[in-house]
Amino acid sequence: NRTWCARLPALMALFPDARVICCVRSVAWVMDSIERLIQLHPFQESRLFDSDSERSTVFTRVDALTKNDRFVGFAWSALKEAVYGPHADRLLIVDFDLLTAAPEKVLRLIYQFVGEPWFEHDFHNVVFDAPDFDQQLGLPGLHRVRPKVSPIRRQPILPPDVFARLDSLSFWRDLGDSRANTITIKNDAPGSTVTDGKQTP
């Protein structure tokens, strides 16, 4: 649930041993996926937007959904608040791209973090969909999950300047002094990546 990060003080007061797992992906790719669905269903008026002016172009759609109180912007703001807040050590930030590239390795680290015994997963047969919810939202396919967990390589459909601006919002790539736990890909040098497991058991 995207609201948990904004409610960590209450959550910790009620459940002191709670842990929150946050799967993160470049905001650029999140918005690119949403925009792709919107263009795939040109006759659907998604309820993600409050007016015709908001849904009129890719630029107005991106600006609307990334506001701090909207679909994408709220989740981003709540996560950033939690990452630098007093309960950051209860968070585990999991990079989406790393999860899809090495699902078993990442999940084993997640199991360690929550203190649960390992459970064998079938990464070739994952099933989830919420067609009624997505239809009501006016964005069919939003929650549909492909059966096989694997990376997808594709060209973005967002304008290059918009994509670059949104990609720069991925603050979890360098959390500085945050006490949040991470399973992420960190750029140490041009052309190289390493897994950053800071504070992860």
C-alpha atoms as a PDB file:
ATOM      1  CA  ASN A   1       0.000   0.000   0.000  1.00  0.00           C
ATOM      2  CA  ARG A   2       1.480   3.325  -1.080  1.00  0.00           C
ATOM      3  CA  THR A   3       0.265   5.096   2.072  1.00  0.00           C
ATOM      4  CA  TRP A   4       2.230   3.050   4.617  1.00  0.00           C
ATOM      5  CA  CYS A   5       5.376   5.127   4.175  1.00  0.00           C
ATOM      6  CA  ALA A   6       3.413   8.234   5.160  1.00  0.00           C
ATOM      7  CA  ARG A   7       2.076   6.473   8.259  1.00  0.00           C
ATOM      8  CA  LEU A   8       5.236   4.942   9.689  1.00  0.00           C
ATOM      9  CA  PRO A   9       4.998   6.692  13.100  1.00  0.00           C
ATOM     10  CA  ALA A  10       1.510   5.254  13.668  1.00  0.00           C
ATOM     11  CA  LEU A  11       2.520   1.873  12.272  1.00  0.00           C
ATOM     12  CA  MET A  12       5.559   1.656  14.553  1.00  0.00           C
ATOM     13  CA  ALA A  13       3.501   2.699  17.577  1.00  0.00           C
ATOM     14  CA  LEU A  14       1.023  -0.106  16.939  1.00  0.00           C
ATOM     15  CA  PHE A  15       3.476  -2.729  15.663  1.00  0.00           C
ATOM     16  CA  PRO A  16       7.007  -1.938  16.926  1.00  0.00           C
ATOM     17  CA  ASP A  17       8.561  -4.883  15.074  1.00  0.00           C
ATOM     18  CA  ALA A  18       6.962  -4.080  11.717  1.00  0.00           C
ATOM     19  CA  ARG A  19       9.014  -3.925   8.520  1.00  0.00           C
ATOM     20  CA  VAL A  20       8.052  -2.157   5.295  1.00  0.00           C
ATOM     21  CA  ILE A  21       9.308  -3.392   1.921  1.00  0.00           C
ATOM     22  CA  CYS A  22       9.327  -0.736  -0.798  1.00  0.00           C
ATOM     23  CA  CYS A  23       9.895  -1.809  -4.386  1.00  0.00           C
ATOM     24  CA  VAL A  24      11.257   1.150  -6.342  1.00  0.00           C
ATOM     25  CA  ARG A  25      11.630   1.832 -10.035  1.00  0.00           C
ATOM     26  CA  SER A  26      12.798   4.856 -11.963  1.00  0.00           C
ATOM     27  CA  VAL A  27       9.958   7.388 -11.979  1.00  0.00           C
ATOM     28  CA  ALA A  28      10.650   7.778 -15.692  1.00  0.00           C
ATOM     29  CA  TRP A  29       9.842   4.132 -16.384  1.00  0.00           C
ATOM     30  CA  VAL A  30       6.814   4.217 -14.070  1.00  0.00           C
ATOM     31  CA  MET A  31       5.375   7.160 -15.977  1.00  0.00           C
ATOM     32  CA  ASP A  32       6.385   5.613 -19.294  1.00  0.00           C
ATOM     33  CA  SER A  33       4.390   2.476 -18.446  1.00  0.00           C
ATOM     34  CA  ILE A  34       1.352   4.534 -17.461  1.00  0.00           C
ATOM     35  CA  GLU A  35       1.600   6.639 -20.608  1.00  0.00           C
ATOM     36  CA  ARG A  36       1.872   3.491 -22.708  1.00  0.00           C
ATOM     37  CA  LEU A  37      -1.402   2.181 -21.235  1.00  0.00           C
ATOM     38  CA  ILE A  38      -3.115   5.527 -21.766  1.00  0.00           C
ATOM     39  CA  GLN A  39      -2.131   5.571 -25.431  1.00  0.00           C
ATOM     40  CA  LEU A  40      -3.133   1.914 -25.780  1.00  0.00           C
ATOM     41  CA  HIS A  41      -6.689   2.855 -24.751  1.00  0.00           C
ATOM     42  CA  PRO A  42      -7.295   6.227 -26.447  1.00  0.00           C
ATOM     43  CA  PHE A  43     -11.071   6.107 -25.924  1.00  0.00           C
ATOM     44  CA  GLN A  44     -10.856   5.534 -22.171  1.00  0.00           C
ATOM     45  CA  GLU A  45     -11.072   8.588 -19.930  1.00  0.00           C
ATOM     46  CA  SER A  46      -8.927   7.557 -17.007  1.00  0.00           C
ATOM     47  CA  ARG A  47     -10.056   8.705 -13.579  1.00  0.00           C
ATOM     48  CA  LEU A  48      -6.427   9.409 -12.766  1.00  0.00           C
ATOM     49  CA  PHE A  49      -7.037  12.863 -14.223  1.00  0.00           C
ATOM     50  CA  ASP A  50      -9.325  15.568 -12.873  1.00  0.00           C
ATOM     51  CA  SER A  51      -9.998  17.435 -16.103  1.00  0.00           C
ATOM     52  CA  ASP A  52      -9.671  17.393 -19.882  1.00  0.00           C
ATOM     53  CA  SER A  53      -6.798  19.851 -19.638  1.00  0.00           C
ATOM     54  CA  GLU A  54      -4.831  17.445 -17.432  1.00  0.00           C
ATOM     55  CA  ARG A  55      -5.278  14.532 -19.817  1.00  0.00           C
ATOM     56  CA  SER A  56      -4.739  16.560 -23.006  1.00  0.00           C
ATOM     57  CA  THR A  57      -1.028  15.864 -23.733  1.00  0.00           C
ATOM     58  CA  VAL A  58       1.802  13.723 -22.445  1.00  0.00           C
ATOM     59  CA  PHE A  59       3.258  16.815 -20.771  1.00  0.00           C
ATOM     60  CA  THR A  60       0.093  17.703 -18.858  1.00  0.00           C
ATOM     61  CA  ARG A  61      -0.462  14.057 -17.924  1.00  0.00           C
ATOM     62  CA  VAL A  62       3.037  13.708 -16.504  1.00  0.00           C
ATOM     63  CA  ASP A  63       2.791  17.010 -14.632  1.00  0.00           C
ATOM     64  CA  ALA A  64      -0.564  16.035 -13.122  1.00  0.00           C
ATOM     65  CA  LEU A  65       0.388  12.558 -11.927  1.00  0.00           C
ATOM     66  CA  THR A  66       3.725  13.621 -10.434  1.00  0.00           C
ATOM     67  CA  LYS A  67       2.274  16.321  -8.178  1.00  0.00           C
ATOM     68  CA  ASN A  68       2.907  15.601  -4.501  1.00  0.00           C
ATOM     69  CA  ASP A  69      -0.709  14.669  -3.808  1.00  0.00           C
ATOM     70  CA  ARG A  70      -1.356  12.583  -6.908  1.00  0.00           C
ATOM     71  CA  PHE A  71      -0.980   9.003  -8.120  1.00  0.00           C
ATOM     72  CA  VAL A  72       2.794   8.890  -8.647  1.00  0.00           C
ATOM     73  CA  GLY A  73       3.912  12.004  -6.798  1.00  0.00           C
ATOM     74  CA  PHE A  74       2.309  11.012  -3.503  1.00  0.00           C
ATOM     75  CA  ALA A  75       4.028   7.619  -3.445  1.00  0.00           C
ATOM     76  CA  TRP A  76       7.369   9.296  -4.219  1.00  0.00           C
ATOM     77  CA  SER A  77       6.898  11.946  -1.519  1.00  0.00           C
ATOM     78  CA  ALA A  78       5.791   9.444   1.122  1.00  0.00           C
ATOM     79  CA  LEU A  79       8.759   7.186   0.386  1.00  0.00           C
ATOM     80  CA  LYS A  80      11.244  10.041   0.603  1.00  0.00           C
ATOM     81  CA  GLU A  81       9.738  11.170   3.911  1.00  0.00           C
ATOM     82  CA  ALA A  82      10.113   7.658   5.317  1.00  0.00           C
ATOM     83  CA  VAL A  83      13.637   7.134   3.975  1.00  0.00           C
ATOM     84  CA  TYR A  84      14.927  10.193   5.831  1.00  0.00           C
ATOM     85  CA  GLY A  85      12.610   9.887   8.834  1.00  0.00           C
ATOM     86  CA  PRO A  86      13.178   8.410  12.310  1.00  0.00           C
ATOM     87  CA  HIS A  87      11.946   4.946  11.304  1.00  0.00           C
ATOM     88  CA  ALA A  88      14.080   4.554   8.188  1.00  0.00           C
ATOM     89  CA  ASP A  89      15.773   1.460   9.610  1.00  0.00           C
ATOM     90  CA  ARG A  90      12.423  -0.342   9.304  1.00  0.00           C
ATOM     91  CA  LEU A  91      12.439   0.101   5.529  1.00  0.00           C
ATOM     92  CA  LEU A  92      13.855  -2.173   2.879  1.00  0.00           C
ATOM     93  CA  ILE A  93      14.255  -0.485  -0.511  1.00  0.00           C
ATOM     94  CA  VAL A  94      14.212  -3.064  -3.316  1.00  0.00           C
ATOM     95  CA  ASP A  95      15.186  -2.096  -6.844  1.00  0.00           C
ATOM     96  CA  PHE A  96      12.589  -3.306  -9.361  1.00  0.00           C
ATOM     97  CA  ASP A  97      15.119  -3.884 -12.137  1.00  0.00           C
ATOM     98  CA  LEU A  98      17.337  -5.955  -9.859  1.00  0.00           C
ATOM     99  CA  LEU A  99      14.337  -7.946  -8.643  1.00  0.00           C
ATOM    100  CA  THR A 100      13.285  -8.844 -12.186  1.00  0.00           C
ATOM    101  CA  ALA A 101      16.856  -9.679 -13.216  1.00  0.00           C
ATOM    102  CA  ALA A 102      17.703 -11.870 -10.198  1.00  0.00           C
ATOM    103  CA  PRO A 103      14.431 -12.684  -8.417  1.00  0.00           C
ATOM    104  CA  GLU A 104      15.640 -15.565  -6.265  1.00  0.00           C
ATOM    105  CA  LYS A 105      18.741 -13.757  -5.002  1.00  0.00           C
ATOM    106  CA  VAL A 106      16.735 -10.651  -4.156  1.00  0.00           C
ATOM    107  CA  LEU A 107      13.921 -12.569  -2.477  1.00  0.00           C
ATOM    108  CA  ARG A 108      16.381 -14.487  -0.313  1.00  0.00           C
ATOM    109  CA  LEU A 109      17.671 -11.154   1.001  1.00  0.00           C
ATOM    110  CA  ILE A 110      14.102 -10.017   1.624  1.00  0.00           C
ATOM    111  CA  TYR A 111      13.360 -13.179   3.600  1.00  0.00           C
ATOM    112  CA  GLN A 112      16.457 -12.512   5.706  1.00  0.00           C
ATOM    113  CA  PHE A 113      15.300  -8.963   6.353  1.00  0.00           C
ATOM    114  CA  VAL A 114      11.867 -10.012   7.629  1.00  0.00           C
ATOM    115  CA  GLY A 115      13.247 -13.020   9.509  1.00  0.00           C
ATOM    116  CA  GLU A 116      11.170 -15.646   7.730  1.00  0.00           C
ATOM    117  CA  PRO A 117      12.282 -19.064   6.426  1.00  0.00           C
ATOM    118  CA  TRP A 118      12.815 -19.370   2.694  1.00  0.00           C
ATOM    119  CA  PHE A 119       9.856 -20.437   0.552  1.00  0.00           C
ATOM    120  CA  GLU A 120      10.367 -21.823  -2.942  1.00  0.00           C
ATOM    121  CA  HIS A 121       8.773 -19.607  -5.591  1.00  0.00           C
ATOM    122  CA  ASP A 122       7.906 -20.355  -9.199  1.00  0.00           C
ATOM    123  CA  PHE A 123       9.242 -17.332 -11.074  1.00  0.00           C
ATOM    124  CA  HIS A 124       7.812 -18.629 -14.351  1.00  0.00           C
ATOM    125  CA  ASN A 125       4.223 -18.764 -13.156  1.00  0.00           C
ATOM    126  CA  VAL A 126       3.298 -15.555 -11.348  1.00  0.00           C
ATOM    127  CA  VAL A 127      -0.383 -14.692 -11.624  1.00  0.00           C
ATOM    128  CA  PHE A 128      -2.032 -11.418 -10.641  1.00  0.00           C
ATOM    129  CA  ASP A 129      -4.602  -9.143 -12.215  1.00  0.00           C
ATOM    130  CA  ALA A 130      -7.243  -6.695 -10.993  1.00  0.00           C
ATOM    131  CA  PRO A 131      -9.426  -6.125 -14.068  1.00  0.00           C
ATOM    132  CA  ASP A 132     -12.453  -4.740 -12.223  1.00  0.00           C
ATOM    133  CA  PHE A 133     -10.387  -2.196 -10.306  1.00  0.00           C
ATOM    134  CA  ASP A 134      -8.437  -1.171 -13.407  1.00  0.00           C
ATOM    135  CA  GLN A 135     -11.599  -0.840 -15.479  1.00  0.00           C
ATOM    136  CA  GLN A 136     -13.181   1.338 -12.823  1.00  0.00           C
ATOM    137  CA  LEU A 137     -10.035   3.466 -12.862  1.00  0.00           C
ATOM    138  CA  GLY A 138     -10.219   3.690 -16.633  1.00  0.00           C
ATOM    139  CA  LEU A 139      -6.802   2.141 -17.185  1.00  0.00           C
ATOM    140  CA  PRO A 140      -7.167  -1.542 -18.186  1.00  0.00           C
ATOM    141  CA  GLY A 141      -4.081  -3.648 -17.556  1.00  0.00           C
ATOM    142  CA  LEU A 142      -2.553  -1.392 -14.900  1.00  0.00           C
ATOM    143  CA  HIS A 143      -2.159  -4.217 -12.375  1.00  0.00           C
ATOM    144  CA  ARG A 144      -1.741  -7.119 -14.793  1.00  0.00           C
ATOM    145  CA  VAL A 145       1.430  -9.097 -14.084  1.00  0.00           C
ATOM    146  CA  ARG A 146       3.277 -11.156 -16.679  1.00  0.00           C
ATOM    147  CA  PRO A 147       3.695 -14.844 -15.717  1.00  0.00           C
ATOM    148  CA  LYS A 148       7.499 -14.895 -16.006  1.00  0.00           C
ATOM    149  CA  VAL A 149       9.631 -12.658 -13.801  1.00  0.00           C
ATOM    150  CA  SER A 150      12.235 -11.209 -16.151  1.00  0.00           C
ATOM    151  CA  PRO A 151      13.495  -7.831 -17.366  1.00  0.00           C
ATOM    152  CA  ILE A 152      11.808  -6.111 -20.304  1.00  0.00           C
ATOM    153  CA  ARG A 153      13.905  -4.122 -22.751  1.00  0.00           C
ATOM    154  CA  ARG A 154      12.006  -1.494 -24.727  1.00  0.00           C
ATOM    155  CA  GLN A 155      12.280   2.025 -26.025  1.00  0.00           C
ATOM    156  CA  PRO A 156      10.538   4.677 -23.911  1.00  0.00           C
ATOM    157  CA  ILE A 157       7.664   6.601 -25.447  1.00  0.00           C
ATOM    158  CA  LEU A 158       8.077   9.660 -23.233  1.00  0.00           C
ATOM    159  CA  PRO A 159       9.847  12.636 -24.830  1.00  0.00           C
ATOM    160  CA  PRO A 160      13.592  12.452 -24.024  1.00  0.00           C
ATOM    161  CA  ASP A 161      13.648  15.616 -21.911  1.00  0.00           C
ATOM    162  CA  VAL A 162      10.683  14.442 -19.843  1.00  0.00           C
ATOM    163  CA  PHE A 163      12.223  11.005 -19.374  1.00  0.00           C
ATOM    164  CA  ALA A 164      15.546  12.487 -18.227  1.00  0.00           C
ATOM    165  CA  ARG A 165      13.844  14.847 -15.773  1.00  0.00           C
ATOM    166  CA  LEU A 166      11.802  12.050 -14.221  1.00  0.00           C
ATOM    167  CA  ASP A 167      14.751   9.660 -14.066  1.00  0.00           C
ATOM    168  CA  SER A 168      16.667  12.205 -11.988  1.00  0.00           C
ATOM    169  CA  LEU A 169      14.036  11.828  -9.238  1.00  0.00           C
ATOM    170  CA  SER A 170      15.351   8.379  -8.271  1.00  0.00           C
ATOM    171  CA  PHE A 171      16.853   9.563  -4.975  1.00  0.00           C
ATOM    172  CA  TRP A 172      17.239   5.985  -3.674  1.00  0.00           C
ATOM    173  CA  ARG A 173      20.272   5.486  -5.906  1.00  0.00           C
ATOM    174  CA  ASP A 174      22.293   7.439  -3.353  1.00  0.00           C
ATOM    175  CA  LEU A 175      20.675   7.664   0.075  1.00  0.00           C
ATOM    176  CA  GLY A 176      23.608   9.304   1.812  1.00  0.00           C
ATOM    177  CA  ASP A 177      23.124   9.149   5.593  1.00  0.00           C
ATOM    178  CA  SER A 178      19.735   7.435   5.500  1.00  0.00           C
ATOM    179  CA  ARG A 179      19.407   4.387   7.751  1.00  0.00           C
ATOM    180  CA  ALA A 180      17.129   2.632   5.275  1.00  0.00           C
ATOM    181  CA  ASN A 181      18.125  -0.863   4.176  1.00  0.00           C
ATOM    182  CA  THR A 182      18.637  -1.315   0.458  1.00  0.00           C
ATOM    183  CA  ILE A 183      18.821  -3.949  -2.233  1.00  0.00           C
ATOM    184  CA  THR A 184      19.672  -1.750  -5.179  1.00  0.00           C
ATOM    185  CA  ILE A 185      21.983  -1.323  -8.133  1.00  0.00           C
ATOM    186  CA  LYS A 186      24.477   1.414  -7.455  1.00  0.00           C
ATOM    187  CA  ASN A 187      26.603   3.129 -10.091  1.00  0.00           C
ATOM    188  CA  ASP A 188      30.189   3.259  -8.806  1.00  0.00           C
ATOM    189  CA  ALA A 189      31.872   4.020 -12.096  1.00  0.00           C
ATOM    190  CA  PRO A 190      30.919   4.482 -15.737  1.00  0.00           C
ATOM    191  CA  GLY A 191      29.794   1.172 -17.153  1.00  0.00           C
ATOM    192  CA  SER A 192      29.832  -0.703 -13.856  1.00  0.00           C
ATOM    193  CA  THR A 193      27.155  -1.615 -11.338  1.00  0.00           C
ATOM    194  CA  VAL A 194      27.279  -3.320  -7.969  1.00  0.00           C
ATOM    195  CA  THR A 195      24.633  -4.435  -5.532  1.00  0.00           C
ATOM    196  CA  ASP A 196      24.410  -2.135  -2.543  1.00  0.00           C
ATOM    197  CA  GLY A 197      23.151  -4.078   0.449  1.00  0.00           C
ATOM    198  CA  LYS A 198      23.692  -1.361   3.051  1.00  0.00           C
ATOM    199  CA  GLN A 199      22.481  -2.511   6.466  1.00  0.00           C
ATOM    200  CA  THR A 200      20.767  -5.485   4.866  1.00  0.00           C
ATOM    201  CA  PRO A 201      21.338  -8.664   6.901  1.00  0.00           C
END
